[in-house]
Amino acid sequence: MSYKFYNANARGRFTSDCVIRSISCATHRSWDDVYDELSDLAQYNGTLFDQRDFVLWYLDSNYERVTFLPKTVGELAREYPNNIILCTVRGHICCVKFGTIYDTFDPSDRLVEYAWFVE
């Protein structure tokens, strides 16, 4: 398991855009493309794209949700070195890609709430 700094923000800013950053990382799409898609879907649904219910709906609609009994992000990264996984922890979402955690900080010690296999 390793951690790699990742900030796909198109303007290089540090904002509350973990949903966009993590999906961008997991799907090999640009930050702008993911932002546009989520923004359009959220507008259509009359919500904001960083709202928890919207994020869960989006991820469940696009990927297979897998339940993990109490595990940390780091444990998940070690146990699934051949997968791309989006995982939520309390108030945050990150991408685990082939055993490496990609984020703007190292969340390896945080407990996984939900996880989705992208690949």
PDB file of N, CA and C in Angstrom:
ATOM      1  N   MET A   1       0.855  -1.174   0.000  1.00  0.00           N
ATOM      2  CA  MET A   1       0.000   0.000   0.000  1.00  0.00           C
ATOM      3  C   MET A   1       0.895   1.229   0.000  1.00  0.00           C
ATOM      4  N   SER A   2       0.509   2.172  -0.823  1.00  0.00           N
ATOM      5  CA  SER A   2       1.233   3.435  -0.833  1.00  0.00           C
ATOM      6  C   SER A   2       0.237   4.574  -1.032  1.00  0.00           C
ATOM      7  N   TYR A   3       0.720   5.759  -0.812  1.00  0.00           N
ATOM      8  CA  TYR A   3      -0.073   6.967  -0.989  1.00  0.00           C
ATOM      9  C   TYR A   3       0.623   7.837  -2.021  1.00  0.00           C
ATOM     10  N   LYS A   4      -0.178   8.452  -2.905  1.00  0.00           N
ATOM     11  CA  LYS A   4       0.369   9.382  -3.881  1.00  0.00           C
ATOM     12  C   LYS A   4      -0.498  10.642  -3.891  1.00  0.00           C
ATOM     13  N   PHE A   5       0.164  11.781  -3.775  1.00  0.00           N
ATOM     14  CA  PHE A   5      -0.559  13.050  -3.844  1.00  0.00           C
ATOM     15  C   PHE A   5      -1.228  13.167  -5.206  1.00  0.00           C
ATOM     16  N   TYR A   6      -2.502  13.557  -5.192  1.00  0.00           N
ATOM     17  CA  TYR A   6      -3.247  13.702  -6.442  1.00  0.00           C
ATOM     18  C   TYR A   6      -4.213  14.868  -6.304  1.00  0.00           C
ATOM     19  N   ASN A   7      -4.055  15.845  -7.174  1.00  0.00           N
ATOM     20  CA  ASN A   7      -4.988  16.967  -7.220  1.00  0.00           C
ATOM     21  C   ASN A   7      -5.278  17.275  -8.684  1.00  0.00           C
ATOM     22  N   ALA A   8      -6.372  16.752  -9.176  1.00  0.00           N
ATOM     23  CA  ALA A   8      -6.745  16.931 -10.577  1.00  0.00           C
ATOM     24  C   ALA A   8      -7.483  18.238 -10.823  1.00  0.00           C
ATOM     25  N   ASN A   9      -7.639  19.045  -9.790  1.00  0.00           N
ATOM     26  CA  ASN A   9      -8.365  20.300  -9.961  1.00  0.00           C
ATOM     27  C   ASN A   9      -7.779  21.069 -11.135  1.00  0.00           C
ATOM     28  N   ALA A  10      -8.621  21.404 -12.086  1.00  0.00           N
ATOM     29  CA  ALA A  10      -8.186  22.027 -13.338  1.00  0.00           C
ATOM     30  C   ALA A  10      -7.456  23.351 -13.119  1.00  0.00           C
ATOM     31  N   ARG A  11      -7.674  23.982 -11.982  1.00  0.00           N
ATOM     32  CA  ARG A  11      -7.016  25.256 -11.700  1.00  0.00           C
ATOM     33  C   ARG A  11      -5.942  25.105 -10.625  1.00  0.00           C
ATOM     34  N   GLY A  12      -5.695  23.848 -10.212  1.00  0.00           N
ATOM     35  CA  GLY A  12      -4.681  23.588  -9.202  1.00  0.00           C
ATOM     36  C   GLY A  12      -5.064  24.034  -7.805  1.00  0.00           C
ATOM     37  N   ARG A  13      -6.329  24.280  -7.582  1.00  0.00           N
ATOM     38  CA  ARG A  13      -6.795  24.781  -6.295  1.00  0.00           C
ATOM     39  C   ARG A  13      -7.081  23.630  -5.344  1.00  0.00           C
ATOM     40  N   PHE A  14      -7.091  23.948  -4.075  1.00  0.00           N
ATOM     41  CA  PHE A  14      -7.483  22.998  -3.042  1.00  0.00           C
ATOM     42  C   PHE A  14      -8.840  23.435  -2.520  1.00  0.00           C
ATOM     43  N   THR A  15      -9.870  22.755  -2.971  1.00  0.00           N
ATOM     44  CA  THR A  15     -11.229  23.075  -2.563  1.00  0.00           C
ATOM     45  C   THR A  15     -11.911  21.791  -2.132  1.00  0.00           C
ATOM     46  N   SER A  16     -13.148  21.901  -1.776  1.00  0.00           N
ATOM     47  CA  SER A  16     -13.925  20.728  -1.363  1.00  0.00           C
ATOM     48  C   SER A  16     -14.436  20.000  -2.600  1.00  0.00           C
ATOM     49  N   ASP A  17     -13.514  19.483  -3.400  1.00  0.00           N
ATOM     50  CA  ASP A  17     -13.890  18.834  -4.655  1.00  0.00           C
ATOM     51  C   ASP A  17     -13.491  17.362  -4.686  1.00  0.00           C
ATOM     52  N   CYS A  18     -13.482  16.714  -3.525  1.00  0.00           N
ATOM     53  CA  CYS A  18     -13.033  15.329  -3.464  1.00  0.00           C
ATOM     54  C   CYS A  18     -13.878  14.402  -4.331  1.00  0.00           C
ATOM     55  N   VAL A  19     -15.154  14.694  -4.488  1.00  0.00           N
ATOM     56  CA  VAL A  19     -16.011  13.857  -5.339  1.00  0.00           C
ATOM     57  C   VAL A  19     -15.500  13.917  -6.775  1.00  0.00           C
ATOM     58  N   ILE A  20     -15.248  15.104  -7.265  1.00  0.00           N
ATOM     59  CA  ILE A  20     -14.770  15.281  -8.643  1.00  0.00           C
ATOM     60  C   ILE A  20     -13.384  14.663  -8.806  1.00  0.00           C
ATOM     61  N   ARG A  21     -12.478  14.972  -7.876  1.00  0.00           N
ATOM     62  CA  ARG A  21     -11.107  14.469  -7.961  1.00  0.00           C
ATOM     63  C   ARG A  21     -11.055  12.951  -7.964  1.00  0.00           C
ATOM     64  N   SER A  22     -11.802  12.315  -7.059  1.00  0.00           N
ATOM     65  CA  SER A  22     -11.731  10.854  -6.943  1.00  0.00           C
ATOM     66  C   SER A  22     -12.323  10.167  -8.166  1.00  0.00           C
ATOM     67  N   ILE A  23     -13.441  10.670  -8.675  1.00  0.00           N
ATOM     68  CA  ILE A  23     -14.041  10.072  -9.873  1.00  0.00           C
ATOM     69  C   ILE A  23     -13.138  10.313 -11.075  1.00  0.00           C
ATOM     70  N   SER A  24     -12.551  11.478 -11.163  1.00  0.00           N
ATOM     71  CA  SER A  24     -11.603  11.767 -12.238  1.00  0.00           C
ATOM     72  C   SER A  24     -10.447  10.775 -12.221  1.00  0.00           C
ATOM     73  N   CYS A  25      -9.892  10.537 -11.060  1.00  0.00           N
ATOM     74  CA  CYS A  25      -8.772   9.608 -10.918  1.00  0.00           C
ATOM     75  C   CYS A  25      -9.186   8.186 -11.291  1.00  0.00           C
ATOM     76  N   ALA A  26     -10.333   7.752 -10.807  1.00  0.00           N
ATOM     77  CA  ALA A  26     -10.773   6.374 -11.028  1.00  0.00           C
ATOM     78  C   ALA A  26     -11.149   6.089 -12.472  1.00  0.00           C
ATOM     79  N   THR A  27     -11.626   7.104 -13.171  1.00  0.00           N
ATOM     80  CA  THR A  27     -12.156   6.882 -14.523  1.00  0.00           C
ATOM     81  C   THR A  27     -11.255   7.412 -15.630  1.00  0.00           C
ATOM     82  N   HIS A  28     -10.118   7.985 -15.261  1.00  0.00           N
ATOM     83  CA  HIS A  28      -9.177   8.532 -16.253  1.00  0.00           C
ATOM     84  C   HIS A  28      -9.806   9.656 -17.071  1.00  0.00           C
ATOM     85  N   ARG A  29     -10.720  10.389 -16.452  1.00  0.00           N
ATOM     86  CA  ARG A  29     -11.369  11.517 -17.111  1.00  0.00           C
ATOM     87  C   ARG A  29     -10.866  12.805 -16.503  1.00  0.00           C
ATOM     88  N   SER A  30     -10.979  13.888 -17.243  1.00  0.00           N
ATOM     89  CA  SER A  30     -10.505  15.165 -16.721  1.00  0.00           C
ATOM     90  C   SER A  30     -11.435  15.672 -15.621  1.00  0.00           C
ATOM     91  N   TRP A  31     -10.873  16.510 -14.778  1.00  0.00           N
ATOM     92  CA  TRP A  31     -11.630  17.150 -13.718  1.00  0.00           C
ATOM     93  C   TRP A  31     -12.810  17.911 -14.319  1.00  0.00           C
ATOM     94  N   ASP A  32     -12.572  18.653 -15.405  1.00  0.00           N
ATOM     95  CA  ASP A  32     -13.634  19.426 -16.060  1.00  0.00           C
ATOM     96  C   ASP A  32     -14.762  18.542 -16.567  1.00  0.00           C
ATOM     97  N   ASP A  33     -14.426  17.401 -17.180  1.00  0.00           N
ATOM     98  CA  ASP A  33     -15.458  16.491 -17.691  1.00  0.00           C
ATOM     99  C   ASP A  33     -16.328  15.941 -16.566  1.00  0.00           C
ATOM    100  N   VAL A  34     -15.695  15.513 -15.478  1.00  0.00           N
ATOM    101  CA  VAL A  34     -16.447  14.979 -14.343  1.00  0.00           C
ATOM    102  C   VAL A  34     -17.298  16.082 -13.714  1.00  0.00           C
ATOM    103  N   TYR A  35     -16.722  17.262 -13.553  1.00  0.00           N
ATOM    104  CA  TYR A  35     -17.462  18.405 -13.000  1.00  0.00           C
ATOM    105  C   TYR A  35     -18.718  18.676 -13.833  1.00  0.00           C
ATOM    106  N   ASP A  36     -18.556  18.744 -15.147  1.00  0.00           N
ATOM    107  CA  ASP A  36     -19.687  19.023 -16.032  1.00  0.00           C
ATOM    108  C   ASP A  36     -20.776  17.959 -15.907  1.00  0.00           C
ATOM    109  N   GLU A  37     -20.370  16.687 -15.908  1.00  0.00           N
ATOM    110  CA  GLU A  37     -21.360  15.604 -15.802  1.00  0.00           C
ATOM    111  C   GLU A  37     -22.115  15.678 -14.484  1.00  0.00           C
ATOM    112  N   LEU A  38     -21.390  15.791 -13.371  1.00  0.00           N
ATOM    113  CA  LEU A  38     -22.042  15.835 -12.067  1.00  0.00           C
ATOM    114  C   LEU A  38     -22.924  17.073 -11.927  1.00  0.00           C
ATOM    115  N   SER A  39     -22.454  18.190 -12.434  1.00  0.00           N
ATOM    116  CA  SER A  39     -23.219  19.431 -12.359  1.00  0.00           C
ATOM    117  C   SER A  39     -24.534  19.308 -13.127  1.00  0.00           C
ATOM    118  N   ASP A  40     -24.461  18.767 -14.339  1.00  0.00           N
ATOM    119  CA  ASP A  40     -25.671  18.582 -15.148  1.00  0.00           C
ATOM    120  C   ASP A  40     -26.663  17.645 -14.468  1.00  0.00           C
ATOM    121  N   LEU A  41     -26.167  16.514 -13.948  1.00  0.00           N
ATOM    122  CA  LEU A  41     -27.044  15.552 -13.280  1.00  0.00           C
ATOM    123  C   LEU A  41     -27.656  16.132 -12.008  1.00  0.00           C
ATOM    124  N   ALA A  42     -26.855  16.846 -11.245  1.00  0.00           N
ATOM    125  CA  ALA A  42     -27.365  17.442 -10.012  1.00  0.00           C
ATOM    126  C   ALA A  42     -28.414  18.499 -10.319  1.00  0.00           C
ATOM    127  N   GLN A  43     -28.156  19.310 -11.337  1.00  0.00           N
ATOM    128  CA  GLN A  43     -29.129  20.331 -11.714  1.00  0.00           C
ATOM    129  C   GLN A  43     -30.439  19.678 -12.146  1.00  0.00           C
ATOM    130  N   TYR A  44     -30.339  18.636 -12.955  1.00  0.00           N
ATOM    131  CA  TYR A  44     -31.528  17.911 -13.414  1.00  0.00           C
ATOM    132  C   TYR A  44     -32.323  17.364 -12.219  1.00  0.00           C
ATOM    133  N   ASN A  45     -31.596  16.905 -11.198  1.00  0.00           N
ATOM    134  CA  ASN A  45     -32.235  16.320 -10.016  1.00  0.00           C
ATOM    135  C   ASN A  45     -32.555  17.355  -8.936  1.00  0.00           C
ATOM    136  N   GLY A  46     -32.230  18.623  -9.192  1.00  0.00           N
ATOM    137  CA  GLY A  46     -32.563  19.685  -8.246  1.00  0.00           C
ATOM    138  C   GLY A  46     -31.780  19.619  -6.952  1.00  0.00           C
ATOM    139  N   THR A  47     -30.510  19.258  -7.041  1.00  0.00           N
ATOM    140  CA  THR A  47     -29.683  19.168  -5.843  1.00  0.00           C
ATOM    141  C   THR A  47     -28.281  19.672  -6.157  1.00  0.00           C
ATOM    142  N   LEU A  48     -27.388  19.567  -5.203  1.00  0.00           N
ATOM    143  CA  LEU A  48     -25.988  19.920  -5.406  1.00  0.00           C
ATOM    144  C   LEU A  48     -25.181  18.639  -5.532  1.00  0.00           C
ATOM    145  N   PHE A  49     -24.132  18.666  -6.339  1.00  0.00           N
ATOM    146  CA  PHE A  49     -23.425  17.410  -6.592  1.00  0.00           C
ATOM    147  C   PHE A  49     -22.478  16.989  -5.480  1.00  0.00           C
ATOM    148  N   ASP A  50     -22.364  17.768  -4.428  1.00  0.00           N
ATOM    149  CA  ASP A  50     -21.563  17.309  -3.301  1.00  0.00           C
ATOM    150  C   ASP A  50     -22.435  16.844  -2.128  1.00  0.00           C
ATOM    151  N   GLN A  51     -23.738  16.773  -2.353  1.00  0.00           N
ATOM    152  CA  GLN A  51     -24.646  16.274  -1.323  1.00  0.00           C
ATOM    153  C   GLN A  51     -24.518  14.758  -1.209  1.00  0.00           C
ATOM    154  N   ARG A  52     -24.454  14.282  -0.011  1.00  0.00           N
ATOM    155  CA  ARG A  52     -24.227  12.857   0.252  1.00  0.00           C
ATOM    156  C   ARG A  52     -25.179  11.942  -0.515  1.00  0.00           C
ATOM    157  N   ASP A  53     -26.467  12.226  -0.463  1.00  0.00           N
ATOM    158  CA  ASP A  53     -27.442  11.363  -1.145  1.00  0.00           C
ATOM    159  C   ASP A  53     -27.205  11.341  -2.649  1.00  0.00           C
ATOM    160  N   PHE A  54     -26.858  12.478  -3.231  1.00  0.00           N
ATOM    161  CA  PHE A  54     -26.584  12.526  -4.663  1.00  0.00           C
ATOM    162  C   PHE A  54     -25.338  11.711  -4.999  1.00  0.00           C
ATOM    163  N   VAL A  55     -24.289  11.872  -4.214  1.00  0.00           N
ATOM    164  CA  VAL A  55     -23.037  11.139  -4.465  1.00  0.00           C
ATOM    165  C   VAL A  55     -23.281   9.632  -4.384  1.00  0.00           C
ATOM    166  N   LEU A  56     -23.980   9.181  -3.356  1.00  0.00           N
ATOM    167  CA  LEU A  56     -24.270   7.746  -3.227  1.00  0.00           C
ATOM    168  C   LEU A  56     -25.112   7.254  -4.395  1.00  0.00           C
ATOM    169  N   TRP A  57     -26.121   8.034  -4.782  1.00  0.00           N
ATOM    170  CA  TRP A  57     -26.951   7.654  -5.930  1.00  0.00           C
ATOM    171  C   TRP A  57     -26.098   7.542  -7.194  1.00  0.00           C
ATOM    172  N   TYR A  58     -25.256   8.532  -7.443  1.00  0.00           N
ATOM    173  CA  TYR A  58     -24.410   8.529  -8.641  1.00  0.00           C
ATOM    174  C   TYR A  58     -23.497   7.306  -8.654  1.00  0.00           C
ATOM    175  N   LEU A  59     -22.822   7.057  -7.556  1.00  0.00           N
ATOM    176  CA  LEU A  59     -21.890   5.926  -7.502  1.00  0.00           C
ATOM    177  C   LEU A  59     -22.630   4.600  -7.638  1.00  0.00           C
ATOM    178  N   ASP A  60     -23.767   4.455  -6.955  1.00  0.00           N
ATOM    179  CA  ASP A  60     -24.555   3.218  -7.076  1.00  0.00           C
ATOM    180  C   ASP A  60     -25.084   3.018  -8.495  1.00  0.00           C
ATOM    181  N   SER A  61     -25.358   4.103  -9.194  1.00  0.00           N
ATOM    182  CA  SER A  61     -25.881   4.018 -10.567  1.00  0.00           C
ATOM    183  C   SER A  61     -24.811   3.621 -11.574  1.00  0.00           C
ATOM    184  N   ASN A  62     -23.557   3.831 -11.221  1.00  0.00           N
ATOM    185  CA  ASN A  62     -22.483   3.618 -12.182  1.00  0.00           C
ATOM    186  C   ASN A  62     -21.519   2.483 -11.845  1.00  0.00           C
ATOM    187  N   TYR A  63     -21.474   2.080 -10.574  1.00  0.00           N
ATOM    188  CA  TYR A  63     -20.478   1.092 -10.147  1.00  0.00           C
ATOM    189  C   TYR A  63     -21.088   0.108  -9.166  1.00  0.00           C
ATOM    190  N   GLU A  64     -20.384  -0.991  -8.946  1.00  0.00           N
ATOM    191  CA  GLU A  64     -20.839  -2.015  -8.016  1.00  0.00           C
ATOM    192  C   GLU A  64     -20.402  -1.658  -6.598  1.00  0.00           C
ATOM    193  N   ARG A  65     -21.386  -1.443  -5.726  1.00  0.00           N
ATOM    194  CA  ARG A  65     -21.057  -1.151  -4.323  1.00  0.00           C
ATOM    195  C   ARG A  65     -20.725  -2.457  -3.620  1.00  0.00           C
ATOM    196  N   VAL A  66     -19.665  -2.437  -2.840  1.00  0.00           N
ATOM    197  CA  VAL A  66     -19.226  -3.607  -2.092  1.00  0.00           C
ATOM    198  C   VAL A  66     -19.152  -3.215  -0.626  1.00  0.00           C
ATOM    199  N   THR A  67     -19.662  -4.071   0.229  1.00  0.00           N
ATOM    200  CA  THR A  67     -19.646  -3.798   1.650  1.00  0.00           C
ATOM    201  C   THR A  67     -18.388  -4.401   2.270  1.00  0.00           C
ATOM    202  N   PHE A  68     -17.705  -3.625   3.046  1.00  0.00           N
ATOM    203  CA  PHE A  68     -16.521  -4.090   3.760  1.00  0.00           C
ATOM    204  C   PHE A  68     -16.775  -3.902   5.244  1.00  0.00           C
ATOM    205  N   LEU A  69     -16.554  -4.964   6.003  1.00  0.00           N
ATOM    206  CA  LEU A  69     -16.630  -4.812   7.449  1.00  0.00           C
ATOM    207  C   LEU A  69     -15.471  -3.920   7.852  1.00  0.00           C
ATOM    208  N   PRO A  70     -15.485  -3.404   9.038  1.00  0.00           N
ATOM    209  CA  PRO A  70     -14.506  -2.374   9.393  1.00  0.00           C
ATOM    210  C   PRO A  70     -13.097  -2.627   8.838  1.00  0.00           C
ATOM    211  N   LYS A  71     -12.754  -1.795   7.880  1.00  0.00           N
ATOM    212  CA  LYS A  71     -11.424  -1.798   7.279  1.00  0.00           C
ATOM    213  C   LYS A  71     -11.020  -0.351   7.068  1.00  0.00           C
ATOM    214  N   THR A  72      -9.739  -0.117   7.097  1.00  0.00           N
ATOM    215  CA  THR A  72      -9.250   1.217   6.778  1.00  0.00           C
ATOM    216  C   THR A  72      -9.001   1.303   5.276  1.00  0.00           C
ATOM    217  N   VAL A  73      -8.829   2.508   4.794  1.00  0.00           N
ATOM    218  CA  VAL A  73      -8.508   2.704   3.384  1.00  0.00           C
ATOM    219  C   VAL A  73      -7.195   1.990   3.057  1.00  0.00           C
ATOM    220  N   GLY A  74      -6.239   2.066   3.955  1.00  0.00           N
ATOM    221  CA  GLY A  74      -4.957   1.392   3.748  1.00  0.00           C
ATOM    222  C   GLY A  74      -5.102  -0.118   3.642  1.00  0.00           C
ATOM    223  N   GLU A  75      -5.925  -0.712   4.503  1.00  0.00           N
ATOM    224  CA  GLU A  75      -6.163  -2.163   4.439  1.00  0.00           C
ATOM    225  C   GLU A  75      -6.819  -2.529   3.114  1.00  0.00           C
ATOM    226  N   LEU A  76      -7.774  -1.724   2.683  1.00  0.00           N
ATOM    227  CA  LEU A  76      -8.452  -1.962   1.409  1.00  0.00           C
ATOM    228  C   LEU A  76      -7.447  -1.907   0.256  1.00  0.00           C
ATOM    229  N   ALA A  77      -6.563  -0.936   0.280  1.00  0.00           N
ATOM    230  CA  ALA A  77      -5.544  -0.806  -0.770  1.00  0.00           C
ATOM    231  C   ALA A  77      -4.630  -2.028  -0.802  1.00  0.00           C
ATOM    232  N   ARG A  78      -4.257  -2.540   0.367  1.00  0.00           N
ATOM    233  CA  ARG A  78      -3.388  -3.724   0.425  1.00  0.00           C
ATOM    234  C   ARG A  78      -4.097  -4.978  -0.062  1.00  0.00           C
ATOM    235  N   GLU A  79      -5.371  -5.116   0.252  1.00  0.00           N
ATOM    236  CA  GLU A  79      -6.112  -6.328  -0.072  1.00  0.00           C
ATOM    237  C   GLU A  79      -6.577  -6.389  -1.530  1.00  0.00           C
ATOM    238  N   TYR A  80      -6.621  -5.256  -2.215  1.00  0.00           N
ATOM    239  CA  TYR A  80      -7.105  -5.208  -3.595  1.00  0.00           C
ATOM    240  C   TYR A  80      -6.118  -4.470  -4.493  1.00  0.00           C
ATOM    241  N   PRO A  81      -4.924  -5.038  -4.693  1.00  0.00           N
ATOM    242  CA  PRO A  81      -3.893  -4.360  -5.477  1.00  0.00           C
ATOM    243  C   PRO A  81      -4.140  -4.390  -6.983  1.00  0.00           C
ATOM    244  N   ASN A  82      -5.184  -5.095  -7.417  1.00  0.00           N
ATOM    245  CA  ASN A  82      -5.458  -5.219  -8.851  1.00  0.00           C
ATOM    246  C   ASN A  82      -6.741  -4.515  -9.272  1.00  0.00           C
ATOM    247  N   ASN A  83      -7.242  -3.646  -8.422  1.00  0.00           N
ATOM    248  CA  ASN A  83      -8.527  -3.002  -8.689  1.00  0.00           C
ATOM    249  C   ASN A  83      -8.434  -1.484  -8.562  1.00  0.00           C
ATOM    250  N   ILE A  84      -9.455  -0.836  -9.130  1.00  0.00           N
ATOM    251  CA  ILE A  84      -9.674   0.588  -8.920  1.00  0.00           C
ATOM    252  C   ILE A  84     -10.944   0.700  -8.090  1.00  0.00           C
ATOM    253  N   ILE A  85     -10.832   1.383  -6.967  1.00  0.00           N
ATOM    254  CA  ILE A  85     -11.933   1.444  -6.006  1.00  0.00           C
ATOM    255  C   ILE A  85     -12.160   2.893  -5.583  1.00  0.00           C
ATOM    256  N   LEU A  86     -13.412   3.301  -5.559  1.00  0.00           N
ATOM    257  CA  LEU A  86     -13.802   4.578  -4.959  1.00  0.00           C
ATOM    258  C   LEU A  86     -14.321   4.240  -3.573  1.00  0.00           C
ATOM    259  N   CYS A  87     -13.834   4.923  -2.556  1.00  0.00           N
ATOM    260  CA  CYS A  87     -14.326   4.607  -1.220  1.00  0.00           C
ATOM    261  C   CYS A  87     -14.620   5.878  -0.437  1.00  0.00           C
ATOM    262  N   THR A  88     -15.724   5.806   0.289  1.00  0.00           N
ATOM    263  CA  THR A  88     -16.098   6.921   1.142  1.00  0.00           C
ATOM    264  C   THR A  88     -15.643   6.621   2.563  1.00  0.00           C
ATOM    265  N   VAL A  89     -15.216   7.668   3.209  1.00  0.00           N
ATOM    266  CA  VAL A  89     -14.949   7.675   4.641  1.00  0.00           C
ATOM    267  C   VAL A  89     -15.790   8.833   5.174  1.00  0.00           C
ATOM    268  N   ARG A  90     -15.876   9.000   6.444  1.00  0.00           N
ATOM    269  CA  ARG A  90     -16.742  10.052   6.987  1.00  0.00           C
ATOM    270  C   ARG A  90     -16.401  11.415   6.373  1.00  0.00           C
ATOM    271  N   GLY A  91     -17.342  11.954   5.597  1.00  0.00           N
ATOM    272  CA  GLY A  91     -17.207  13.289   5.021  1.00  0.00           C
ATOM    273  C   GLY A  91     -16.229  13.419   3.871  1.00  0.00           C
ATOM    274  N   HIS A  92     -15.835  12.308   3.267  1.00  0.00           N
ATOM    275  CA  HIS A  92     -14.810  12.372   2.223  1.00  0.00           C
ATOM    276  C   HIS A  92     -14.917  11.156   1.303  1.00  0.00           C
ATOM    277  N   ILE A  93     -14.341  11.290   0.111  1.00  0.00           N
ATOM    278  CA  ILE A  93     -14.250  10.171  -0.827  1.00  0.00           C
ATOM    279  C   ILE A  93     -12.855  10.201  -1.451  1.00  0.00           C
ATOM    280  N   CYS A  94     -12.296   9.018  -1.687  1.00  0.00           N
ATOM    281  CA  CYS A  94     -10.969   8.945  -2.289  1.00  0.00           C
ATOM    282  C   CYS A  94     -10.915   7.785  -3.279  1.00  0.00           C
ATOM    283  N   CYS A  95      -9.830   7.726  -4.012  1.00  0.00           N
ATOM    284  CA  CYS A  95      -9.635   6.692  -5.024  1.00  0.00           C
ATOM    285  C   CYS A  95      -8.449   5.817  -4.632  1.00  0.00           C
ATOM    286  N   VAL A  96      -8.671   4.516  -4.677  1.00  0.00           N
ATOM    287  CA  VAL A  96      -7.610   3.532  -4.489  1.00  0.00           C
ATOM    288  C   VAL A  96      -7.414   2.860  -5.837  1.00  0.00           C
ATOM    289  N   LYS A  97      -6.209   2.969  -6.352  1.00  0.00           N
ATOM    290  CA  LYS A  97      -5.936   2.490  -7.700  1.00  0.00           C
ATOM    291  C   LYS A  97      -4.735   1.554  -7.673  1.00  0.00           C
ATOM    292  N   PHE A  98      -5.010   0.280  -7.903  1.00  0.00           N
ATOM    293  CA  PHE A  98      -3.952  -0.730  -7.961  1.00  0.00           C
ATOM    294  C   PHE A  98      -3.041  -0.670  -6.744  1.00  0.00           C
ATOM    295  N   GLY A  99      -3.650  -0.580  -5.560  1.00  0.00           N
ATOM    296  CA  GLY A  99      -2.910  -0.612  -4.310  1.00  0.00           C
ATOM    297  C   GLY A  99      -2.373   0.717  -3.836  1.00  0.00           C
ATOM    298  N   THR A 100      -2.587   1.780  -4.605  1.00  0.00           N
ATOM    299  CA  THR A 100      -2.112   3.108  -4.227  1.00  0.00           C
ATOM    300  C   THR A 100      -3.306   4.014  -3.952  1.00  0.00           C
ATOM    301  N   ILE A 101      -3.234   4.753  -2.861  1.00  0.00           N
ATOM    302  CA  ILE A 101      -4.280   5.704  -2.507  1.00  0.00           C
ATOM    303  C   ILE A 101      -3.928   7.045  -3.139  1.00  0.00           C
ATOM    304  N   TYR A 102      -4.859   7.597  -3.916  1.00  0.00           N
ATOM    305  CA  TYR A 102      -4.660   8.894  -4.567  1.00  0.00           C
ATOM    306  C   TYR A 102      -5.571   9.920  -3.902  1.00  0.00           C
ATOM    307  N   ASP A 103      -4.960  10.985  -3.379  1.00  0.00           N
ATOM    308  CA  ASP A 103      -5.736  12.016  -2.703  1.00  0.00           C
ATOM    309  C   ASP A 103      -4.822  13.208  -2.423  1.00  0.00           C
ATOM    310  N   THR A 104      -5.401  14.275  -1.872  1.00  0.00           N
ATOM    311  CA  THR A 104      -4.593  15.441  -1.516  1.00  0.00           C
ATOM    312  C   THR A 104      -3.985  15.297  -0.120  1.00  0.00           C
ATOM    313  N   PHE A 105      -4.371  14.250   0.598  1.00  0.00           N
ATOM    314  CA  PHE A 105      -3.772  13.909   1.892  1.00  0.00           C
ATOM    315  C   PHE A 105      -3.856  12.391   2.031  1.00  0.00           C
ATOM    316  N   ASP A 106      -3.179  11.837   2.981  1.00  0.00           N
ATOM    317  CA  ASP A 106      -3.159  10.388   3.165  1.00  0.00           C
ATOM    318  C   ASP A 106      -4.270   9.944   4.113  1.00  0.00           C
ATOM    319  N   PRO A 107      -5.348   9.352   3.568  1.00  0.00           N
ATOM    320  CA  PRO A 107      -6.452   8.893   4.410  1.00  0.00           C
ATOM    321  C   PRO A 107      -6.337   7.410   4.790  1.00  0.00           C
ATOM    322  N   SER A 108      -5.148   6.839   4.713  1.00  0.00           N
ATOM    323  CA  SER A 108      -4.988   5.390   4.882  1.00  0.00           C
ATOM    324  C   SER A 108      -5.475   4.862   6.227  1.00  0.00           C
ATOM    325  N   ASP A 109      -5.507   5.698   7.259  1.00  0.00           N
ATOM    326  CA  ASP A 109      -5.942   5.224   8.570  1.00  0.00           C
ATOM    327  C   ASP A 109      -7.432   5.450   8.837  1.00  0.00           C
ATOM    328  N   ARG A 110      -8.139   6.003   7.889  1.00  0.00           N
ATOM    329  CA  ARG A 110      -9.575   6.250   8.064  1.00  0.00           C
ATOM    330  C   ARG A 110     -10.391   5.006   7.718  1.00  0.00           C
ATOM    331  N   LEU A 111     -11.490   4.816   8.435  1.00  0.00           N
ATOM    332  CA  LEU A 111     -12.355   3.662   8.195  1.00  0.00           C
ATOM    333  C   LEU A 111     -13.215   3.858   6.958  1.00  0.00           C
ATOM    334  N   VAL A 112     -13.271   2.825   6.134  1.00  0.00           N
ATOM    335  CA  VAL A 112     -14.093   2.845   4.926  1.00  0.00           C
ATOM    336  C   VAL A 112     -15.552   2.740   5.323  1.00  0.00           C
ATOM    337  N   GLU A 113     -16.345   3.607   4.740  1.00  0.00           N
ATOM    338  CA  GLU A 113     -17.791   3.568   4.942  1.00  0.00           C
ATOM    339  C   GLU A 113     -18.423   2.692   3.859  1.00  0.00           C
ATOM    340  N   TYR A 114     -18.218   3.081   2.600  1.00  0.00           N
ATOM    341  CA  TYR A 114     -18.700   2.324   1.447  1.00  0.00           C
ATOM    342  C   TYR A 114     -17.602   2.295   0.410  1.00  0.00           C
ATOM    343  N   ALA A 115     -17.683   1.307  -0.480  1.00  0.00           N
ATOM    344  CA  ALA A 115     -16.689   1.224  -1.569  1.00  0.00           C
ATOM    345  C   ALA A 115     -17.364   0.722  -2.826  1.00  0.00           C
ATOM    346  N   TRP A 116     -16.851   1.186  -3.966  1.00  0.00           N
ATOM    347  CA  TRP A 116     -17.361   0.790  -5.272  1.00  0.00           C
ATOM    348  C   TRP A 116     -16.197   0.353  -6.142  1.00  0.00           C
ATOM    349  N   PHE A 117     -16.340  -0.803  -6.765  1.00  0.00           N
ATOM    350  CA  PHE A 117     -15.333  -1.269  -7.702  1.00  0.00           C
ATOM    351  C   PHE A 117     -15.573  -0.607  -9.057  1.00  0.00           C
ATOM    352  N   VAL A 118     -14.599   0.109  -9.538  1.00  0.00           N
ATOM    353  CA  VAL A 118     -14.668   0.742 -10.859  1.00  0.00           C
ATOM    354  C   VAL A 118     -14.093  -0.232 -11.883  1.00  0.00           C
ATOM    355  N   GLU A 119     -13.026  -0.905 -11.510  1.00  0.00           N
ATOM    356  CA  GLU A 119     -12.378  -1.931 -12.370  1.00  0.00           C
ATOM    357  C   GLU A 119     -11.948  -3.080 -11.516  1.00  0.00           C
TER     358      GLU A 119
END
